[in-house]
Amino acid sequence: MARYFDVHPENPQPRSIAQVVDLLRQDALIAYPTDSCYALGSRIDNHAGADRIRTIRHLDDKHHFTLVCADFAQLGQLVHLDNSAFRAIKAVTPGPYTFILPATPEVPRRLAHAKKRSVGVRIPDHPVAQAILRELGEPLLSSTLLMPGAEWPMVEGWQIKEELDLVLDAVVDAGDCGTEPTTVVDWTEGAPEVVRVGAGDPDRFS
């Protein structure tokens, strides 16, 4: 049964955030809010967490997870950025964008694209997600909480608790969340290519 944390969307209670992070450090899988929609998250080195996400969402081994960062300092440890990419990404983050970039050696091989050696990264603009990331002190392995066959992600924390109670360790409910996943921009070839239009304005990279 999943622990349930009802937190304020703008000023999350520090005690609740600390408890969520304690669970993450014990290899928990959580549902948490972001600036695009609710997501599933675990620590990067939690191998079972990645497998559990694949099971919940019916994903194959080729699915790319996103590494969610608190800030550019964390992001810069995971991916290589040239000057143009740095400036453009800095201008829209934190925000509802995921950027696919060449991975550094800090990224476990199992999480990077087998051929391109790339990985998706993002910095969310949501107080609860940011509070979790700051308290944890490291990026989260993450995936949009979009269930198999569903057109839209789940938008209410209580709904997630009700439907996924037996397969999650914690649900962080910050009220109604968005229904659009992030806009995904592939920057592995030296120039930005929008590969999925979502909550972020794609025209910034057209």
Protein backbone atom coordinates (compact mmCIF):
# COMPACT_ATOMS: atom_id res chain seq x y z
CA MET A 1 0.00 0.00 0.00
CA ALA A 2 1.37 3.40 -1.00
CA ARG A 3 2.05 6.11 1.56
CA TYR A 4 -0.05 9.18 0.78
CA PHE A 5 1.31 12.72 1.17
CA ASP A 6 -1.09 15.63 0.70
CA VAL A 7 1.21 18.60 0.17
CA HIS A 8 0.68 22.28 -0.58
CA PRO A 9 1.34 22.91 -4.30
CA GLU A 10 3.23 26.17 -3.72
CA ASN A 11 4.72 25.70 -0.24
CA PRO A 12 5.15 21.96 0.35
CA GLN A 13 5.54 20.96 3.98
CA PRO A 14 9.24 20.25 4.71
CA ARG A 15 8.40 17.30 6.96
CA SER A 16 6.41 15.60 4.21
CA ILE A 17 9.16 16.23 1.65
CA ALA A 18 11.76 14.78 4.02
CA GLN A 19 9.64 11.66 4.48
CA VAL A 20 9.23 11.23 0.72
CA VAL A 21 12.98 11.55 0.21
CA ASP A 22 13.66 9.04 3.00
CA LEU A 23 11.49 6.58 1.07
CA LEU A 24 13.34 7.33 -2.17
CA ARG A 25 16.62 6.58 -0.42
CA GLN A 26 15.13 3.22 0.54
CA ASP A 27 14.56 2.50 -3.18
CA ALA A 28 10.92 3.58 -3.25
CA LEU A 29 8.96 4.28 -6.42
CA ILE A 30 6.84 7.41 -6.12
CA ALA A 31 4.27 9.40 -8.06
CA TYR A 32 4.90 13.13 -7.87
CA PRO A 33 3.70 16.35 -9.55
CA THR A 34 5.64 18.32 -12.15
CA ASP A 35 4.97 21.43 -14.24
CA SER A 36 3.62 19.26 -17.06
CA CYS A 37 1.82 16.34 -15.40
CA TYR A 38 2.24 13.71 -12.70
CA ALA A 39 5.25 11.44 -13.11
CA LEU A 40 6.75 8.27 -11.69
CA GLY A 41 10.15 8.61 -10.08
CA SER A 42 12.92 6.71 -8.35
CA ARG A 43 16.62 7.17 -7.67
CA ILE A 44 18.85 6.67 -10.70
CA ASP A 45 20.68 3.72 -9.17
CA ASN A 46 17.44 1.97 -8.21
CA HIS A 47 17.41 -0.80 -10.85
CA ALA A 48 14.14 -2.23 -9.56
CA GLY A 49 12.51 1.20 -9.84
CA ALA A 50 13.14 1.35 -13.57
CA ASP A 51 11.78 -2.16 -14.01
CA ARG A 52 8.68 -1.31 -11.96
CA ILE A 53 7.99 1.74 -14.13
CA ARG A 54 8.27 -0.42 -17.24
CA THR A 55 5.82 -2.91 -15.74
CA ILE A 56 3.28 -0.25 -14.71
CA ARG A 57 3.38 1.50 -18.09
CA HIS A 58 3.90 -1.63 -20.23
CA LEU A 59 7.15 -0.24 -21.65
CA ASP A 60 9.83 -2.22 -23.44
CA ASP A 61 13.57 -2.08 -22.80
CA LYS A 62 13.99 0.54 -25.54
CA HIS A 63 12.00 3.17 -23.65
CA HIS A 64 14.01 6.23 -22.72
CA PHE A 65 13.61 7.49 -19.19
CA THR A 66 14.15 11.14 -18.30
CA LEU A 67 16.64 12.28 -15.69
CA VAL A 68 14.96 15.11 -13.78
CA CYS A 69 17.35 17.68 -12.32
CA ALA A 70 17.03 20.43 -9.73
CA ASP A 71 19.23 22.87 -11.63
CA PHE A 72 21.83 23.34 -14.35
CA ALA A 73 24.62 22.16 -12.05
CA GLN A 74 23.03 18.71 -11.90
CA LEU A 75 22.07 18.74 -15.57
CA GLY A 76 25.62 19.63 -16.61
CA GLN A 77 26.98 16.53 -14.88
CA LEU A 78 24.77 14.28 -17.01
CA VAL A 79 24.95 15.70 -20.54
CA HIS A 80 27.35 17.49 -22.87
CA LEU A 81 26.24 21.01 -23.88
CA ASP A 82 27.77 23.28 -26.50
CA ASN A 83 27.38 27.04 -26.11
CA SER A 84 24.32 27.38 -28.36
CA ALA A 85 22.48 24.54 -26.62
CA PHE A 86 23.41 25.94 -23.21
CA ARG A 87 22.04 29.39 -24.01
CA ALA A 88 18.82 28.13 -25.60
CA ILE A 89 18.06 25.60 -22.87
CA LYS A 90 18.95 28.04 -20.10
CA ALA A 91 16.38 30.48 -21.54
CA VAL A 92 13.45 28.06 -21.11
CA THR A 93 14.35 26.21 -17.94
CA PRO A 94 13.02 25.49 -15.44
CA GLY A 95 10.08 24.59 -17.66
CA PRO A 96 8.07 21.81 -19.34
CA TYR A 97 10.76 20.66 -21.77
CA THR A 98 12.81 17.48 -22.05
CA PHE A 99 16.10 17.72 -23.93
CA ILE A 100 17.83 14.71 -25.48
CA LEU A 101 21.57 15.32 -25.38
CA PRO A 102 24.83 13.34 -25.50
CA ALA A 103 25.33 11.64 -22.14
CA THR A 104 28.41 12.00 -19.96
CA PRO A 105 30.05 8.99 -18.27
CA GLU A 106 28.02 9.89 -15.16
CA VAL A 107 24.94 8.37 -16.81
CA PRO A 108 24.66 4.60 -16.30
CA ARG A 109 24.99 2.73 -19.59
CA ARG A 110 21.61 1.05 -19.06
CA LEU A 111 19.88 4.46 -19.12
CA ALA A 112 21.54 5.89 -22.23
CA HIS A 113 20.53 5.24 -25.84
CA ALA A 114 22.44 2.16 -26.95
CA LYS A 115 23.67 3.65 -30.25
CA LYS A 116 23.62 7.41 -29.74
CA ARG A 117 24.74 7.32 -26.10
CA SER A 118 22.20 10.06 -25.39
CA VAL A 119 19.74 10.68 -22.57
CA GLY A 120 16.74 12.91 -21.83
CA VAL A 121 17.09 15.56 -19.13
CA ARG A 122 14.87 18.26 -17.74
CA ILE A 123 14.48 20.84 -14.96
CA PRO A 124 10.85 21.11 -13.78
CA ASP A 125 9.23 24.39 -12.76
CA HIS A 126 7.13 23.01 -9.90
CA PRO A 127 7.69 23.80 -6.20
CA VAL A 128 6.99 20.24 -5.04
CA ALA A 129 9.24 18.57 -7.61
CA GLN A 130 11.96 21.10 -6.84
CA ALA A 131 11.62 20.53 -3.09
CA ILE A 132 12.01 16.77 -3.56
CA LEU A 133 15.04 17.20 -5.83
CA ARG A 134 16.76 19.66 -3.48
CA GLU A 135 16.18 17.46 -0.44
CA LEU A 136 17.37 14.36 -2.32
CA GLY A 137 20.46 16.11 -3.67
CA GLU A 138 20.55 14.13 -6.91
CA PRO A 139 18.49 13.75 -10.10
CA LEU A 140 15.47 11.45 -10.33
CA LEU A 141 14.88 8.73 -12.88
CA SER A 142 11.43 9.62 -14.17
CA SER A 143 8.65 8.81 -16.62
CA THR A 144 5.28 10.44 -17.35
CA LEU A 145 2.45 8.77 -15.47
CA LEU A 146 0.57 7.74 -18.58
CA MET A 147 -1.12 4.38 -18.23
CA PRO A 148 -1.32 1.80 -21.06
CA GLY A 149 -4.14 2.66 -23.46
CA ALA A 150 -4.83 6.03 -21.82
CA GLU A 151 -4.95 9.16 -23.95
CA TRP A 152 -4.01 11.52 -21.11
CA PRO A 153 -1.96 11.22 -17.92
CA MET A 154 -3.74 11.03 -14.58
CA VAL A 155 -4.26 14.53 -13.18
CA GLU A 156 -5.30 13.97 -9.55
CA GLY A 157 -3.16 12.54 -6.77
CA TRP A 158 -6.09 10.78 -5.10
CA GLN A 159 -6.87 9.04 -8.40
CA ILE A 160 -3.29 7.80 -8.63
CA LYS A 161 -3.45 6.54 -5.04
CA GLU A 162 -6.72 4.76 -5.76
CA GLU A 163 -5.61 3.08 -8.98
CA LEU A 164 -1.94 2.36 -8.26
CA ASP A 165 -2.03 1.81 -4.51
CA LEU A 166 -0.55 -1.68 -4.70
CA VAL A 167 2.29 -0.94 -7.13
CA LEU A 168 3.67 2.35 -5.73
CA ASP A 169 5.44 3.11 -2.47
CA ALA A 170 4.28 6.72 -2.18
CA VAL A 171 1.96 9.23 -3.85
CA VAL A 172 2.71 12.94 -3.47
CA ASP A 173 -0.56 14.78 -4.06
CA ALA A 174 -0.31 18.49 -4.84
CA GLY A 175 -3.78 18.79 -6.35
CA ASP A 176 -4.76 19.00 -9.99
CA CYS A 177 -1.80 18.69 -12.35
CA GLY A 178 -1.58 19.28 -16.09
CA THR A 179 -2.47 16.75 -18.76
CA GLU A 180 0.26 17.50 -21.30
CA PRO A 181 3.66 15.83 -21.09
CA THR A 182 6.78 17.85 -21.82
CA THR A 183 7.82 19.08 -25.22
CA VAL A 184 10.79 16.94 -26.26
CA VAL A 185 13.71 18.47 -28.14
CA ASP A 186 16.44 16.26 -29.61
CA TRP A 187 19.80 18.05 -29.63
CA THR A 188 22.06 15.10 -30.40
CA GLU A 189 22.84 16.19 -33.98
CA GLY A 190 24.06 19.67 -33.15
CA ALA A 191 20.77 21.48 -33.86
CA PRO A 192 17.41 21.27 -32.07
CA GLU A 193 14.67 19.06 -33.47
CA VAL A 194 11.26 18.99 -31.78
CA VAL A 195 10.26 15.32 -31.64
CA ARG A 196 7.19 15.72 -29.42
CA VAL A 197 4.97 18.76 -28.95
CA GLY A 198 3.72 19.09 -25.39
CA ALA A 199 3.32 21.68 -22.66
CA GLY A 200 6.36 23.74 -23.68
CA ASP A 201 6.18 26.16 -26.63
CA PRO A 202 7.79 24.29 -29.57
CA ASP A 203 8.29 27.52 -31.53
CA ARG A 204 11.24 28.33 -29.29
CA PHE A 205 13.15 25.61 -31.15
CA SER A 206 11.72 25.74 -34.68
